[in-house]
Amino acid sequence: MPNELGKTQGGRAKLRPRLVAADWDYLVIVGWLALLAVVFVPLRLAGVRPFDGLGTVGGDLLITALTVLPVGAYLIIGEAGRHQATWGKRRAGLAVVTTRGARPGAARIVMRNAVKVLPWQCGHMGHRTQPARAPERGRRSSGTWRRGVLPPWVPGAAGS
């Protein structure tokens, strides 16, 4: 039976409050991405292209610095703060605690959030290296990844 915070007997929050918290946190993330768009889309439309010519590594670092690191910082700062929760978790009545109900250490908070944002970072890297070319004549694009685009450690990538 859940308590007032939606936690089950084992201490883990039920699925619904966790999904509600994730939705609120995604709203914050979308707000950040919208702010980036408000700044950079008009610049690009005006012909200002300060990041052209960075190359693959430079582009990956830029994307990481503008998107992944701020989102990771939001998650880490929120969970390490006095409320032990991001804005979304607070709105859903949740807090980040250990299995014994204590405040988690900084290393644990950093690791749990690194696991959350690492797939996002890998997705950026894969998208950035995908060749931008039209499908062959007479064939429609399937919208799937092409061989040789994914990093070599991903199953199905070139060489695996």
C-alpha atoms as a PDB file:
ATOM      1  CA  MET A   1       0.000   0.000   0.000  1.00  0.00           C
ATOM      2  CA  PRO A   2       1.477   3.386  -0.950  1.00  0.00           C
ATOM      3  CA  ASN A   3       2.050   6.142   1.604  1.00  0.00           C
ATOM      4  CA  GLU A   4       1.367   9.891   1.183  1.00  0.00           C
ATOM      5  CA  LEU A   5       4.356  10.280  -1.184  1.00  0.00           C
ATOM      6  CA  GLY A   6       3.191   7.416  -3.388  1.00  0.00           C
ATOM      7  CA  LYS A   7       5.929   5.143  -2.089  1.00  0.00           C
ATOM      8  CA  THR A   8       5.363   1.430  -1.831  1.00  0.00           C
ATOM      9  CA  GLN A   9       6.356  -0.661   1.196  1.00  0.00           C
ATOM     10  CA  GLY A  10       9.823  -1.268  -0.316  1.00  0.00           C
ATOM     11  CA  GLY A  11      10.579   2.451  -0.417  1.00  0.00           C
ATOM     12  CA  ARG A  12      10.480   2.868  -4.190  1.00  0.00           C
ATOM     13  CA  ALA A  13       7.935   5.313  -5.591  1.00  0.00           C
ATOM     14  CA  LYS A  14       5.089   3.957  -7.668  1.00  0.00           C
ATOM     15  CA  LEU A  15       5.270   4.310 -11.426  1.00  0.00           C
ATOM     16  CA  ARG A  16       2.650   7.052 -11.865  1.00  0.00           C
ATOM     17  CA  PRO A  17       4.323   9.674  -9.623  1.00  0.00           C
ATOM     18  CA  ARG A  18       7.657   8.897 -11.271  1.00  0.00           C
ATOM     19  CA  LEU A  19       6.184   9.433 -14.737  1.00  0.00           C
ATOM     20  CA  VAL A  20       4.517  12.667 -13.609  1.00  0.00           C
ATOM     21  CA  ALA A  21       7.880  13.863 -12.234  1.00  0.00           C
ATOM     22  CA  ALA A  22       9.602  12.949 -15.500  1.00  0.00           C
ATOM     23  CA  ASP A  23       6.971  14.882 -17.459  1.00  0.00           C
ATOM     24  CA  TRP A  24       7.536  18.019 -15.364  1.00  0.00           C
ATOM     25  CA  ASP A  25      11.305  17.661 -15.711  1.00  0.00           C
ATOM     26  CA  TYR A  26      10.982  17.215 -19.471  1.00  0.00           C
ATOM     27  CA  LEU A  27       9.011  20.438 -19.518  1.00  0.00           C
ATOM     28  CA  VAL A  28      12.034  22.194 -17.968  1.00  0.00           C
ATOM     29  CA  ILE A  29      14.348  20.538 -20.516  1.00  0.00           C
ATOM     30  CA  VAL A  30      12.111  21.555 -23.431  1.00  0.00           C
ATOM     31  CA  GLY A  31      12.101  25.091 -22.024  1.00  0.00           C
ATOM     32  CA  TRP A  32      15.905  25.132 -22.102  1.00  0.00           C
ATOM     33  CA  LEU A  33      15.970  23.800 -25.665  1.00  0.00           C
ATOM     34  CA  ALA A  34      13.365  26.393 -26.685  1.00  0.00           C
ATOM     35  CA  LEU A  35      15.536  29.139 -25.201  1.00  0.00           C
ATOM     36  CA  LEU A  36      18.481  27.872 -27.260  1.00  0.00           C
ATOM     37  CA  ALA A  37      16.264  27.936 -30.352  1.00  0.00           C
ATOM     38  CA  VAL A  38      15.126  31.498 -29.598  1.00  0.00           C
ATOM     39  CA  VAL A  39      18.777  32.562 -29.478  1.00  0.00           C
ATOM     40  CA  PHE A  40      20.323  30.541 -32.293  1.00  0.00           C
ATOM     41  CA  VAL A  41      17.590  30.215 -34.952  1.00  0.00           C
ATOM     42  CA  PRO A  42      17.381  33.995 -35.589  1.00  0.00           C
ATOM     43  CA  LEU A  43      21.171  34.136 -35.762  1.00  0.00           C
ATOM     44  CA  ARG A  44      21.214  31.389 -38.361  1.00  0.00           C
ATOM     45  CA  LEU A  45      18.402  33.021 -40.352  1.00  0.00           C
ATOM     46  CA  ALA A  46      20.371  36.277 -40.322  1.00  0.00           C
ATOM     47  CA  GLY A  47      23.338  34.462 -41.840  1.00  0.00           C
ATOM     48  CA  VAL A  48      25.412  34.451 -38.661  1.00  0.00           C
ATOM     49  CA  ARG A  49      26.969  30.994 -38.344  1.00  0.00           C
ATOM     50  CA  PRO A  50      29.465  31.161 -35.486  1.00  0.00           C
ATOM     51  CA  PHE A  51      29.787  27.388 -35.178  1.00  0.00           C
ATOM     52  CA  ASP A  52      30.335  26.411 -38.810  1.00  0.00           C
ATOM     53  CA  GLY A  53      33.610  24.674 -39.475  1.00  0.00           C
ATOM     54  CA  LEU A  54      33.936  23.057 -36.057  1.00  0.00           C
ATOM     55  CA  GLY A  55      34.236  19.539 -37.424  1.00  0.00           C
ATOM     56  CA  THR A  56      32.746  16.430 -35.885  1.00  0.00           C
ATOM     57  CA  VAL A  57      34.562  16.591 -32.550  1.00  0.00           C
ATOM     58  CA  GLY A  58      34.001  20.322 -32.149  1.00  0.00           C
ATOM     59  CA  GLY A  59      30.330  19.937 -33.004  1.00  0.00           C
ATOM     60  CA  ASP A  60      29.918  17.104 -30.516  1.00  0.00           C
ATOM     61  CA  LEU A  61      31.591  19.178 -27.813  1.00  0.00           C
ATOM     62  CA  LEU A  62      29.378  22.155 -28.608  1.00  0.00           C
ATOM     63  CA  ILE A  63      26.191  20.086 -28.497  1.00  0.00           C
ATOM     64  CA  THR A  64      27.339  18.565 -25.210  1.00  0.00           C
ATOM     65  CA  ALA A  65      28.104  21.974 -23.719  1.00  0.00           C
ATOM     66  CA  LEU A  66      24.798  23.531 -24.793  1.00  0.00           C
ATOM     67  CA  THR A  67      22.396  20.666 -24.113  1.00  0.00           C
ATOM     68  CA  VAL A  68      23.659  17.625 -22.227  1.00  0.00           C
ATOM     69  CA  LEU A  69      25.742  19.404 -19.571  1.00  0.00           C
ATOM     70  CA  PRO A  70      23.057  21.962 -18.603  1.00  0.00           C
ATOM     71  CA  VAL A  71      20.425  19.217 -18.356  1.00  0.00           C
ATOM     72  CA  GLY A  72      22.789  17.047 -16.297  1.00  0.00           C
ATOM     73  CA  ALA A  73      23.574  20.012 -14.066  1.00  0.00           C
ATOM     74  CA  TYR A  74      19.850  20.684 -13.549  1.00  0.00           C
ATOM     75  CA  LEU A  75      19.281  17.080 -12.493  1.00  0.00           C
ATOM     76  CA  ILE A  76      22.345  16.895 -10.230  1.00  0.00           C
ATOM     77  CA  ILE A  77      21.846  20.281  -8.558  1.00  0.00           C
ATOM     78  CA  GLY A  78      18.171  19.557  -7.947  1.00  0.00           C
ATOM     79  CA  GLU A  79      18.749  16.133  -6.421  1.00  0.00           C
ATOM     80  CA  ALA A  80      21.721  17.288  -4.347  1.00  0.00           C
ATOM     81  CA  GLY A  81      19.866  20.369  -3.090  1.00  0.00           C
ATOM     82  CA  ARG A  82      17.931  20.784   0.133  1.00  0.00           C
ATOM     83  CA  HIS A  83      14.744  19.308  -1.363  1.00  0.00           C
ATOM     84  CA  GLN A  84      16.600  16.237  -2.691  1.00  0.00           C
ATOM     85  CA  ALA A  85      14.530  16.520  -5.841  1.00  0.00           C
ATOM     86  CA  THR A  86      14.335  18.249  -9.179  1.00  0.00           C
ATOM     87  CA  TRP A  87      11.442  20.628  -9.824  1.00  0.00           C
ATOM     88  CA  GLY A  88       9.461  17.802 -11.384  1.00  0.00           C
ATOM     89  CA  LYS A  89      10.042  15.433  -8.463  1.00  0.00           C
ATOM     90  CA  ARG A  90       9.011  18.134  -5.989  1.00  0.00           C
ATOM     91  CA  ARG A  91       5.781  18.752  -7.914  1.00  0.00           C
ATOM     92  CA  ALA A  92       5.094  15.002  -7.862  1.00  0.00           C
ATOM     93  CA  GLY A  93       5.882  14.766  -4.137  1.00  0.00           C
ATOM     94  CA  LEU A  94       9.025  12.662  -4.575  1.00  0.00           C
ATOM     95  CA  ALA A  95      12.530  12.914  -3.171  1.00  0.00           C
ATOM     96  CA  VAL A  96      15.756  11.079  -4.003  1.00  0.00           C
ATOM     97  CA  VAL A  97      16.822   8.901  -1.067  1.00  0.00           C
ATOM     98  CA  THR A  98      18.807   5.732  -0.474  1.00  0.00           C
ATOM     99  CA  THR A  99      17.075   2.426   0.241  1.00  0.00           C
ATOM    100  CA  ARG A 100      17.337   3.310   3.939  1.00  0.00           C
ATOM    101  CA  GLY A 101      15.675   6.679   3.428  1.00  0.00           C
ATOM    102  CA  ALA A 102      18.867   8.723   3.876  1.00  0.00           C
ATOM    103  CA  ARG A 103      20.234  11.483   1.653  1.00  0.00           C
ATOM    104  CA  PRO A 104      22.346   9.943  -1.146  1.00  0.00           C
ATOM    105  CA  GLY A 105      25.959  11.006  -1.522  1.00  0.00           C
ATOM    106  CA  ALA A 106      27.165  13.317  -4.261  1.00  0.00           C
ATOM    107  CA  ALA A 107      28.892  10.509  -6.179  1.00  0.00           C
ATOM    108  CA  ARG A 108      25.684   8.453  -6.265  1.00  0.00           C
ATOM    109  CA  ILE A 109      23.673  11.425  -7.502  1.00  0.00           C
ATOM    110  CA  VAL A 110      26.217  12.188 -10.230  1.00  0.00           C
ATOM    111  CA  MET A 111      26.320   8.546 -11.364  1.00  0.00           C
ATOM    112  CA  ARG A 112      22.534   8.088 -11.469  1.00  0.00           C
ATOM    113  CA  ASN A 113      22.193  11.195 -13.609  1.00  0.00           C
ATOM    114  CA  ALA A 114      25.129  10.291 -15.850  1.00  0.00           C
ATOM    115  CA  VAL A 115      23.258   7.072 -16.630  1.00  0.00           C
ATOM    116  CA  LYS A 116      20.228   9.182 -17.584  1.00  0.00           C
ATOM    117  CA  VAL A 117      22.013  11.606 -19.925  1.00  0.00           C
ATOM    118  CA  LEU A 118      24.583   9.237 -21.476  1.00  0.00           C
ATOM    119  CA  PRO A 119      22.094   7.765 -23.992  1.00  0.00           C
ATOM    120  CA  TRP A 120      21.109  11.308 -24.964  1.00  0.00           C
ATOM    121  CA  GLN A 121      24.762  12.167 -25.579  1.00  0.00           C
ATOM    122  CA  CYS A 122      25.276   9.016 -27.643  1.00  0.00           C
ATOM    123  CA  GLY A 123      22.192   9.922 -29.679  1.00  0.00           C
ATOM    124  CA  HIS A 124      23.619  13.355 -30.405  1.00  0.00           C
ATOM    125  CA  MET A 125      26.898  11.859 -31.507  1.00  0.00           C
ATOM    126  CA  GLY A 126      25.183   9.341 -33.794  1.00  0.00           C
ATOM    127  CA  HIS A 127      22.890  11.945 -35.307  1.00  0.00           C
ATOM    128  CA  ARG A 128      25.734  14.370 -35.898  1.00  0.00           C
ATOM    129  CA  THR A 129      27.762  11.810 -37.827  1.00  0.00           C
ATOM    130  CA  GLN A 130      24.867  10.518 -39.956  1.00  0.00           C
ATOM    131  CA  PRO A 131      25.510  11.432 -43.583  1.00  0.00           C
ATOM    132  CA  ALA A 132      23.007  13.890 -44.972  1.00  0.00           C
ATOM    133  CA  ARG A 133      22.284  12.473 -48.387  1.00  0.00           C
ATOM    134  CA  ALA A 134      19.206  11.642 -50.383  1.00  0.00           C
ATOM    135  CA  PRO A 135      18.154   8.023 -50.792  1.00  0.00           C
ATOM    136  CA  GLU A 136      19.189   6.231 -53.971  1.00  0.00           C
ATOM    137  CA  ARG A 137      17.036   6.864 -57.027  1.00  0.00           C
ATOM    138  CA  GLY A 138      13.894   4.755 -56.963  1.00  0.00           C
ATOM    139  CA  ARG A 139      14.194   3.946 -53.236  1.00  0.00           C
ATOM    140  CA  ARG A 140      12.495   5.634 -50.347  1.00  0.00           C
ATOM    141  CA  SER A 141      14.397   6.337 -47.163  1.00  0.00           C
ATOM    142  CA  SER A 142      13.397   3.995 -44.366  1.00  0.00           C
ATOM    143  CA  GLY A 143      14.395   6.458 -41.686  1.00  0.00           C
ATOM    144  CA  THR A 144      16.722   3.902 -40.132  1.00  0.00           C
ATOM    145  CA  TRP A 145      20.403   4.181 -39.365  1.00  0.00           C
ATOM    146  CA  ARG A 146      22.791   3.322 -42.153  1.00  0.00           C
ATOM    147  CA  ARG A 147      25.680   0.928 -41.590  1.00  0.00           C
ATOM    148  CA  GLY A 148      28.858   2.756 -40.611  1.00  0.00           C
ATOM    149  CA  VAL A 149      27.054   5.621 -38.882  1.00  0.00           C
ATOM    150  CA  LEU A 150      26.902   4.296 -35.338  1.00  0.00           C
ATOM    151  CA  PRO A 151      29.911   4.073 -33.015  1.00  0.00           C
ATOM    152  CA  PRO A 152      31.718   0.717 -33.334  1.00  0.00           C
ATOM    153  CA  TRP A 153      30.665  -0.503 -29.871  1.00  0.00           C
ATOM    154  CA  VAL A 154      26.955  -0.421 -30.831  1.00  0.00           C
ATOM    155  CA  PRO A 155      25.590  -3.752 -32.109  1.00  0.00           C
ATOM    156  CA  GLY A 156      24.966  -3.622 -35.843  1.00  0.00           C
ATOM    157  CA  ALA A 157      27.535  -0.872 -36.425  1.00  0.00           C
ATOM    158  CA  ALA A 158      30.297  -1.304 -38.981  1.00  0.00           C
ATOM    159  CA  GLY A 159      32.814  -3.883 -37.883  1.00  0.00           C
ATOM    160  CA  SER A 160      30.554  -5.554 -35.315  1.00  0.00           C
END
